[in-house]
C-alpha atoms as a PDB file:
ATOM      1  CA  UNK A   1      18.035  15.453  -7.929  1.00  0.00           C
ATOM      2  CA  UNK A   2      17.580  12.000  -6.369  1.00  0.00           C
ATOM      3  CA  UNK A   3      14.299  10.136  -6.324  1.00  0.00           C
ATOM      4  CA  UNK A   4      14.067  10.518  -2.557  1.00  0.00           C
ATOM      5  CA  UNK A   5      14.296  14.307  -2.770  1.00  0.00           C
ATOM      6  CA  UNK A   6      11.756  15.037  -5.509  1.00  0.00           C
ATOM      7  CA  UNK A   7       8.817  17.174  -4.367  1.00  0.00           C
ATOM      8  CA  UNK A   8       5.264  16.213  -5.292  1.00  0.00           C
ATOM      9  CA  UNK A   9       3.306  19.417  -4.749  1.00  0.00           C
ATOM     10  CA  UNK A  10       4.791  21.510  -7.543  1.00  0.00           C
ATOM     11  CA  UNK A  11       4.168  19.249 -10.535  1.00  0.00           C
ATOM     12  CA  UNK A  12       1.425  17.247 -12.215  1.00  0.00           C
ATOM     13  CA  UNK A  13       1.032  13.505 -12.756  1.00  0.00           C
ATOM     14  CA  UNK A  14      -0.727  11.230 -15.199  1.00  0.00           C
ATOM     15  CA  UNK A  15      -1.970   8.949 -12.427  1.00  0.00           C
ATOM     16  CA  UNK A  16      -1.890   8.177  -8.708  1.00  0.00           C
ATOM     17  CA  UNK A  17      -1.051   4.670  -7.409  1.00  0.00           C
ATOM     18  CA  UNK A  18      -1.962   3.720  -3.843  1.00  0.00           C
ATOM     19  CA  UNK A  19      -0.795   0.985  -1.539  1.00  0.00           C
ATOM     20  CA  UNK A  20      -3.747  -0.389   0.452  1.00  0.00           C
ATOM     21  CA  UNK A  21      -3.015  -1.408   4.051  1.00  0.00           C
ATOM     22  CA  UNK A  22      -1.757   1.552   6.079  1.00  0.00           C
ATOM     23  CA  UNK A  23      -2.139   3.907   3.111  1.00  0.00           C
ATOM     24  CA  UNK A  24      -5.854   4.047   2.306  1.00  0.00           C
ATOM     25  CA  UNK A  25      -7.148   1.711   5.038  1.00  0.00           C
ATOM     26  CA  UNK A  26      -6.030   0.955   8.582  1.00  0.00           C
ATOM     27  CA  UNK A  27      -6.028  -2.815   8.964  1.00  0.00           C
ATOM     28  CA  UNK A  28      -3.253  -3.022  11.548  1.00  0.00           C
ATOM     29  CA  UNK A  29      -5.357  -4.397  14.450  1.00  0.00           C
ATOM     30  CA  UNK A  30      -6.806  -7.243  12.361  1.00  0.00           C
ATOM     31  CA  UNK A  31      -3.534  -7.987  10.576  1.00  0.00           C
ATOM     32  CA  UNK A  32      -1.559  -8.122  13.795  1.00  0.00           C
ATOM     33  CA  UNK A  33      -4.160 -10.326  15.503  1.00  0.00           C
ATOM     34  CA  UNK A  34      -3.879 -12.911  12.746  1.00  0.00           C
ATOM     35  CA  UNK A  35      -0.114 -12.778  12.374  1.00  0.00           C
ATOM     36  CA  UNK A  36       0.421 -12.822  16.152  1.00  0.00           C
ATOM     37  CA  UNK A  37      -1.503 -16.084  16.344  1.00  0.00           C
ATOM     38  CA  UNK A  38       0.552 -17.494  13.485  1.00  0.00           C
ATOM     39  CA  UNK A  39       3.842 -16.385  15.065  1.00  0.00           C
ATOM     40  CA  UNK A  40       2.957 -17.908  18.432  1.00  0.00           C
ATOM     41  CA  UNK A  41       2.049 -21.190  16.725  1.00  0.00           C
ATOM     42  CA  UNK A  42       5.559 -21.332  15.295  1.00  0.00           C
ATOM     43  CA  UNK A  43       7.337 -20.287  18.484  1.00  0.00           C
ATOM     44  CA  UNK A  44       8.390 -16.858  17.259  1.00  0.00           C
ATOM     45  CA  UNK A  45       8.957 -13.740  19.339  1.00  0.00           C
ATOM     46  CA  UNK A  46       5.756 -11.899  18.422  1.00  0.00           C
ATOM     47  CA  UNK A  47       7.008  -8.426  19.339  1.00  0.00           C
ATOM     48  CA  UNK A  48      10.134  -8.865  17.234  1.00  0.00           C
ATOM     49  CA  UNK A  49       8.296 -10.494  14.343  1.00  0.00           C
ATOM     50  CA  UNK A  50       5.364  -8.122  13.780  1.00  0.00           C
ATOM     51  CA  UNK A  51       7.373  -5.116  12.498  1.00  0.00           C
ATOM     52  CA  UNK A  52       8.896  -7.326   9.792  1.00  0.00           C
ATOM     53  CA  UNK A  53       5.651  -8.391   8.096  1.00  0.00           C
ATOM     54  CA  UNK A  54       3.973  -5.115   7.174  1.00  0.00           C
ATOM     55  CA  UNK A  55       3.844  -4.084   3.521  1.00  0.00           C
ATOM     56  CA  UNK A  56       5.103  -7.323   1.971  1.00  0.00           C
ATOM     57  CA  UNK A  57       3.428 -10.476   0.682  1.00  0.00           C
ATOM     58  CA  UNK A  58       2.648 -13.119   3.272  1.00  0.00           C
ATOM     59  CA  UNK A  59       4.475 -15.791   1.317  1.00  0.00           C
ATOM     60  CA  UNK A  60       7.594 -13.600   1.216  1.00  0.00           C
ATOM     61  CA  UNK A  61       7.411 -12.985   4.971  1.00  0.00           C
ATOM     62  CA  UNK A  62       7.181 -16.704   5.702  1.00  0.00           C
ATOM     63  CA  UNK A  63       9.810 -17.717   3.121  1.00  0.00           C
ATOM     64  CA  UNK A  64      12.278 -15.207   4.545  1.00  0.00           C
ATOM     65  CA  UNK A  65      12.060 -16.868   7.978  1.00  0.00           C
ATOM     66  CA  UNK A  66      13.308 -20.210   6.626  1.00  0.00           C
ATOM     67  CA  UNK A  67      11.446 -22.207   9.272  1.00  0.00           C
ATOM     68  CA  UNK A  68      12.252 -25.942   9.062  1.00  0.00           C
ATOM     69  CA  UNK A  69       9.409 -28.122   7.837  1.00  0.00           C
ATOM     70  CA  UNK A  70       7.219 -25.138   6.945  1.00  0.00           C
ATOM     71  CA  UNK A  71       5.618 -24.846   3.493  1.00  0.00           C
ATOM     72  CA  UNK A  72       5.448 -21.075   2.859  1.00  0.00           C
ATOM     73  CA  UNK A  73       2.678 -21.345   0.268  1.00  0.00           C
ATOM     74  CA  UNK A  74       0.441 -23.501   2.472  1.00  0.00           C
ATOM     75  CA  UNK A  75       1.068 -21.327   5.520  1.00  0.00           C
ATOM     76  CA  UNK A  76       0.381 -18.132   3.562  1.00  0.00           C
ATOM     77  CA  UNK A  77      -2.959 -19.585   2.434  1.00  0.00           C
ATOM     78  CA  UNK A  78      -3.851 -20.373   6.054  1.00  0.00           C
ATOM     79  CA  UNK A  79      -3.010 -16.822   7.092  1.00  0.00           C
ATOM     80  CA  UNK A  80      -5.047 -15.457   4.192  1.00  0.00           C
ATOM     81  CA  UNK A  81      -8.095 -17.483   5.255  1.00  0.00           C
ATOM     82  CA  UNK A  82      -7.767 -16.150   8.802  1.00  0.00           C
ATOM     83  CA  UNK A  83      -7.453 -12.582   7.518  1.00  0.00           C
ATOM     84  CA  UNK A  84     -10.514 -13.023   5.318  1.00  0.00           C
ATOM     85  CA  UNK A  85     -12.515 -13.935   8.433  1.00  0.00           C
ATOM     86  CA  UNK A  86     -11.221 -11.057  10.570  1.00  0.00           C
ATOM     87  CA  UNK A  87     -12.100  -7.572   9.306  1.00  0.00           C
ATOM     88  CA  UNK A  88     -13.162  -6.218  12.685  1.00  0.00           C
ATOM     89  CA  UNK A  89     -11.852  -2.707  13.273  1.00  0.00           C
ATOM     90  CA  UNK A  90     -10.630  -2.162   9.706  1.00  0.00           C
ATOM     91  CA  UNK A  91     -11.410   1.445   8.766  1.00  0.00           C
ATOM     92  CA  UNK A  92     -10.503   3.940   6.031  1.00  0.00           C
ATOM     93  CA  UNK A  93      -7.631   6.356   6.594  1.00  0.00           C
ATOM     94  CA  UNK A  94      -9.281   9.711   7.465  1.00  0.00           C
ATOM     95  CA  UNK A  95     -10.407  11.479   4.302  1.00  0.00           C
ATOM     96  CA  UNK A  96      -9.487   8.568   2.015  1.00  0.00           C
ATOM     97  CA  UNK A  97     -12.985   7.835   0.709  1.00  0.00           C
ATOM     98  CA  UNK A  98     -13.619  11.461  -0.224  1.00  0.00           C
ATOM     99  CA  UNK A  99     -10.165  11.885  -1.752  1.00  0.00           C
ATOM    100  CA  UNK A 100     -10.364   8.731  -3.875  1.00  0.00           C
ATOM    101  CA  UNK A 101     -13.968   9.308  -4.917  1.00  0.00           C
ATOM    102  CA  UNK A 102     -12.979  12.666  -6.406  1.00  0.00           C
ATOM    103  CA  UNK A 103     -10.277  11.185  -8.648  1.00  0.00           C
ATOM    104  CA  UNK A 104     -11.145  10.552 -12.322  1.00  0.00           C
ATOM    105  CA  UNK A 105     -11.683   6.869 -13.128  1.00  0.00           C
ATOM    106  CA  UNK A 106      -8.820   5.369 -15.064  1.00  0.00           C
ATOM    107  CA  UNK A 107      -6.372   7.760 -13.463  1.00  0.00           C
ATOM    108  CA  UNK A 108      -5.712   5.913 -10.217  1.00  0.00           C
ATOM    109  CA  UNK A 109      -5.125   2.382  -9.054  1.00  0.00           C
ATOM    110  CA  UNK A 110      -4.265   0.237  -6.044  1.00  0.00           C
ATOM    111  CA  UNK A 111      -1.048  -1.806  -5.744  1.00  0.00           C
ATOM    112  CA  UNK A 112      -1.185  -4.047  -2.690  1.00  0.00           C
ATOM    113  CA  UNK A 113       0.791  -6.916  -1.207  1.00  0.00           C
ATOM    114  CA  UNK A 114      -2.491  -8.572  -0.215  1.00  0.00           C
ATOM    115  CA  UNK A 115      -3.941 -11.446  -2.284  1.00  0.00           C
ATOM    116  CA  UNK A 116      -6.825 -10.465  -4.547  1.00  0.00           C
ATOM    117  CA  UNK A 117      -9.629 -11.974  -2.443  1.00  0.00           C
ATOM    118  CA  UNK A 118      -8.367 -10.316   0.735  1.00  0.00           C
ATOM    119  CA  UNK A 119      -7.916  -6.981  -1.017  1.00  0.00           C
ATOM    120  CA  UNK A 120     -11.530  -6.969  -2.200  1.00  0.00           C
ATOM    121  CA  UNK A 121     -12.758  -8.141   1.212  1.00  0.00           C
ATOM    122  CA  UNK A 122     -11.026  -5.298   3.034  1.00  0.00           C
ATOM    123  CA  UNK A 123     -11.962  -2.637   0.491  1.00  0.00           C
ATOM    124  CA  UNK A 124     -15.607  -3.700   0.696  1.00  0.00           C
ATOM    125  CA  UNK A 125     -15.494  -3.682   4.505  1.00  0.00           C
ATOM    126  CA  UNK A 126     -14.256  -0.083   4.560  1.00  0.00           C
ATOM    127  CA  UNK A 127     -16.340   1.347   1.728  1.00  0.00           C
ATOM    128  CA  UNK A 128     -13.295   2.377  -0.291  1.00  0.00           C
ATOM    129  CA  UNK A 129     -14.275   2.937  -3.956  1.00  0.00           C
ATOM    130  CA  UNK A 130     -12.852   0.429  -6.427  1.00  0.00           C
ATOM    131  CA  UNK A 131     -10.584   1.729  -9.184  1.00  0.00           C
ATOM    132  CA  UNK A 132     -10.343   0.212 -12.645  1.00  0.00           C
ATOM    133  CA  UNK A 133      -6.907  -1.202 -11.796  1.00  0.00           C
ATOM    134  CA  UNK A 134      -6.024  -3.250  -8.703  1.00  0.00           C
ATOM    135  CA  UNK A 135      -2.652  -5.046  -8.680  1.00  0.00           C
ATOM    136  CA  UNK A 136      -2.387  -7.672  -5.933  1.00  0.00           C
ATOM    137  CA  UNK A 137       0.084 -10.238  -4.651  1.00  0.00           C
ATOM    138  CA  UNK A 138      -1.358 -12.685  -7.167  1.00  0.00           C
ATOM    139  CA  UNK A 139      -0.320 -10.521 -10.129  1.00  0.00           C
ATOM    140  CA  UNK A 140       3.447 -10.489  -9.504  1.00  0.00           C
ATOM    141  CA  UNK A 141       6.150 -13.050  -8.877  1.00  0.00           C
ATOM    142  CA  UNK A 142       8.284 -10.576  -6.943  1.00  0.00           C
ATOM    143  CA  UNK A 143       6.529  -8.524  -4.275  1.00  0.00           C
ATOM    144  CA  UNK A 144       7.557  -5.281  -2.621  1.00  0.00           C
ATOM    145  CA  UNK A 145      10.275  -3.992  -2.212  1.00  0.00           C
ATOM    146  CA  UNK A 146      10.620  -5.104  -5.851  1.00  0.00           C
ATOM    147  CA  UNK A 147       9.070  -2.473  -8.151  1.00  0.00           C
ATOM    148  CA  UNK A 148       7.093  -4.969 -10.247  1.00  0.00           C
ATOM    149  CA  UNK A 149       3.675  -4.125  -8.799  1.00  0.00           C
ATOM    150  CA  UNK A 150       3.964  -0.401  -9.419  1.00  0.00           C
ATOM    151  CA  UNK A 151       5.381  -0.931 -12.882  1.00  0.00           C
ATOM    152  CA  UNK A 152       2.437  -3.200 -13.692  1.00  0.00           C
ATOM    153  CA  UNK A 153      -0.083  -0.800 -12.158  1.00  0.00           C
ATOM    154  CA  UNK A 154       1.181   2.088 -14.259  1.00  0.00           C
ATOM    155  CA  UNK A 155       1.211  -0.109 -17.369  1.00  0.00           C
ATOM    156  CA  UNK A 156      -2.387  -1.213 -16.840  1.00  0.00           C
ATOM    157  CA  UNK A 157      -3.440   2.420 -16.504  1.00  0.00           C
ATOM    158  CA  UNK A 158      -1.518   3.216 -19.679  1.00  0.00           C
ATOM    159  CA  UNK A 159       1.132   5.488 -18.186  1.00  0.00           C
ATOM    160  CA  UNK A 160       4.857   5.585 -17.520  1.00  0.00           C
ATOM    161  CA  UNK A 161       5.657   4.921 -13.828  1.00  0.00           C
ATOM    162  CA  UNK A 162       7.881   8.005 -13.884  1.00  0.00           C
ATOM    163  CA  UNK A 163       4.775  10.092 -14.530  1.00  0.00           C
ATOM    164  CA  UNK A 164       2.889   8.589 -11.575  1.00  0.00           C
ATOM    165  CA  UNK A 165       2.697   9.473  -7.888  1.00  0.00           C
ATOM    166  CA  UNK A 166       2.866   6.538  -5.479  1.00  0.00           C
ATOM    167  CA  UNK A 167       1.292   6.734  -2.011  1.00  0.00           C
ATOM    168  CA  UNK A 168       2.953   4.390   0.487  1.00  0.00           C
ATOM    169  CA  UNK A 169       3.425   3.926   4.215  1.00  0.00           C
ATOM    170  CA  UNK A 170       6.262   1.437   4.840  1.00  0.00           C
ATOM    171  CA  UNK A 171       9.899   1.137   3.722  1.00  0.00           C
ATOM    172  CA  UNK A 172       9.294  -1.882   1.452  1.00  0.00           C
ATOM    173  CA  UNK A 173       6.613   0.007  -0.452  1.00  0.00           C
ATOM    174  CA  UNK A 174       8.658   3.190  -0.636  1.00  0.00           C
ATOM    175  CA  UNK A 175      11.529   1.214  -2.155  1.00  0.00           C
ATOM    176  CA  UNK A 176       9.108  -0.356  -4.641  1.00  0.00           C
ATOM    177  CA  UNK A 177       7.846   3.057  -5.731  1.00  0.00           C
ATOM    178  CA  UNK A 178      11.357   4.404  -6.045  1.00  0.00           C
ATOM    179  CA  UNK A 179      12.464   1.336  -7.972  1.00  0.00           C
ATOM    180  CA  UNK A 180       9.633   1.853 -10.448  1.00  0.00           C
ATOM    181  CA  UNK A 181      10.908   5.384 -11.057  1.00  0.00           C
ATOM    182  CA  UNK A 182       7.793   6.994  -9.582  1.00  0.00           C
ATOM    183  CA  UNK A 183       7.461   9.957  -7.255  1.00  0.00           C
ATOM    184  CA  UNK A 184       6.463   8.988  -3.717  1.00  0.00           C
ATOM    185  CA  UNK A 185       4.371  10.479  -0.902  1.00  0.00           C
ATOM    186  CA  UNK A 186       4.355   8.777   2.506  1.00  0.00           C
ATOM    187  CA  UNK A 187       1.183   8.349   4.567  1.00  0.00           C
ATOM    188  CA  UNK A 188       1.864   8.429   8.322  1.00  0.00           C
ATOM    189  CA  UNK A 189      -1.683   7.991   9.672  1.00  0.00           C
ATOM    190  CA  UNK A 190      -0.914   4.598  11.227  1.00  0.00           C
ATOM    191  CA  UNK A 191       2.669   5.319  12.287  1.00  0.00           C
ATOM    192  CA  UNK A 192       3.556   5.230  15.990  1.00  0.00           C
ATOM    193  CA  UNK A 193       7.187   6.161  15.351  1.00  0.00           C
ATOM    194  CA  UNK A 194       8.796   8.598  12.894  1.00  0.00           C
ATOM    195  CA  UNK A 195       9.814   7.136   9.543  1.00  0.00           C
ATOM    196  CA  UNK A 196      13.182   8.023   8.053  1.00  0.00           C
ATOM    197  CA  UNK A 197      12.473   9.366   4.582  1.00  0.00           C
ATOM    198  CA  UNK A 198      13.013  12.480   2.514  1.00  0.00           C
ATOM    199  CA  UNK A 199       9.667  12.035   0.755  1.00  0.00           C
ATOM    200  CA  UNK A 200       6.768  14.346   1.618  1.00  0.00           C
ATOM    201  CA  UNK A 201       4.737  13.122   4.593  1.00  0.00           C
ATOM    202  CA  UNK A 202       0.931  13.134   4.775  1.00  0.00           C
ATOM    203  CA  UNK A 203      -0.880  12.763   8.124  1.00  0.00           C
ATOM    204  CA  UNK A 204      -4.117  11.852   6.340  1.00  0.00           C
ATOM    205  CA  UNK A 205      -6.110  12.789   3.259  1.00  0.00           C
ATOM    206  CA  UNK A 206      -7.963  15.473   5.192  1.00  0.00           C
ATOM    207  CA  UNK A 207      -5.115  17.890   4.537  1.00  0.00           C
ATOM    208  CA  UNK A 208      -4.873  17.359   0.782  1.00  0.00           C
ATOM    209  CA  UNK A 209      -7.008  17.500  -2.323  1.00  0.00           C
ATOM    210  CA  UNK A 210      -6.484  16.971  -6.037  1.00  0.00           C
ATOM    211  CA  UNK A 211      -7.317  18.848  -9.195  1.00  0.00           C
ATOM    212  CA  UNK A 212      -7.122  18.217 -12.912  1.00  0.00           C
ATOM    213  CA  UNK A 213      -4.972  20.893 -14.558  1.00  0.00           C
ATOM    214  CA  UNK A 214      -5.310  22.456 -18.006  1.00  0.00           C
ATOM    215  CA  UNK A 215      -3.281  19.616 -19.546  1.00  0.00           C
ATOM    216  CA  UNK A 216      -5.614  17.003 -18.082  1.00  0.00           C
ATOM    217  CA  UNK A 217      -3.094  15.828 -15.483  1.00  0.00           C
ATOM    218  CA  UNK A 218      -3.561  15.391 -11.750  1.00  0.00           C
ATOM    219  CA  UNK A 219      -2.155  17.733  -9.147  1.00  0.00           C
ATOM    220  CA  UNK A 220      -1.874  17.062  -5.423  1.00  0.00           C
ATOM    221  CA  UNK A 221      -2.646  20.157  -3.364  1.00  0.00           C
ATOM    222  CA  UNK A 222      -2.302  20.851   0.345  1.00  0.00           C
ATOM    223  CA  UNK A 223      -5.386  22.296   1.980  1.00  0.00           C
ATOM    224  CA  UNK A 224      -4.136  22.313   5.561  1.00  0.00           C
ATOM    225  CA  UNK A 225      -1.102  21.610   7.689  1.00  0.00           C
END
């Protein structure tokens, strides 16, 4: 059975790994305000550009554009500073705080494309509990869709990625989870259009819960929908 077809509700896992933006928090309004300003400054078509920047590191987004005379590292730092200042409207995905708070410490982590300072700023702004492991853009040389972040997250928790469940919301992150050999569930709370995937879809965390089974592993359970 292929990675993209593996179910997640009929087995147990050593740990859960969560993307941040779009998966446990909704930061789209703030993110798109900042990146829209940046795109306009560089003469880009904002509507065409915005869908390309979600779920990947800022430096990778800017590098990929190949804009003449633009230093991707310097520009990414400018964008990061603007994002640090704008957390208006950033909220948790429905049910995320309760779901995460119920997970055993040391059995879940966050793997985000955001830099470390921005990740902590947004998590604090939304009241999301902090896990023992947070892997950020600063911890890897290759960001999503490369699997490095999820491999590192599983390693820091002390588990094999293949025994972890990854929660993601965008194609780059899904590919990263698959590349790490993990199982994947896709959060659709912030989606305005259907996503093409064979992975299980979650509308929010209000329809799921978790339990620790007799072997001490985590199980994801549907409670509604």
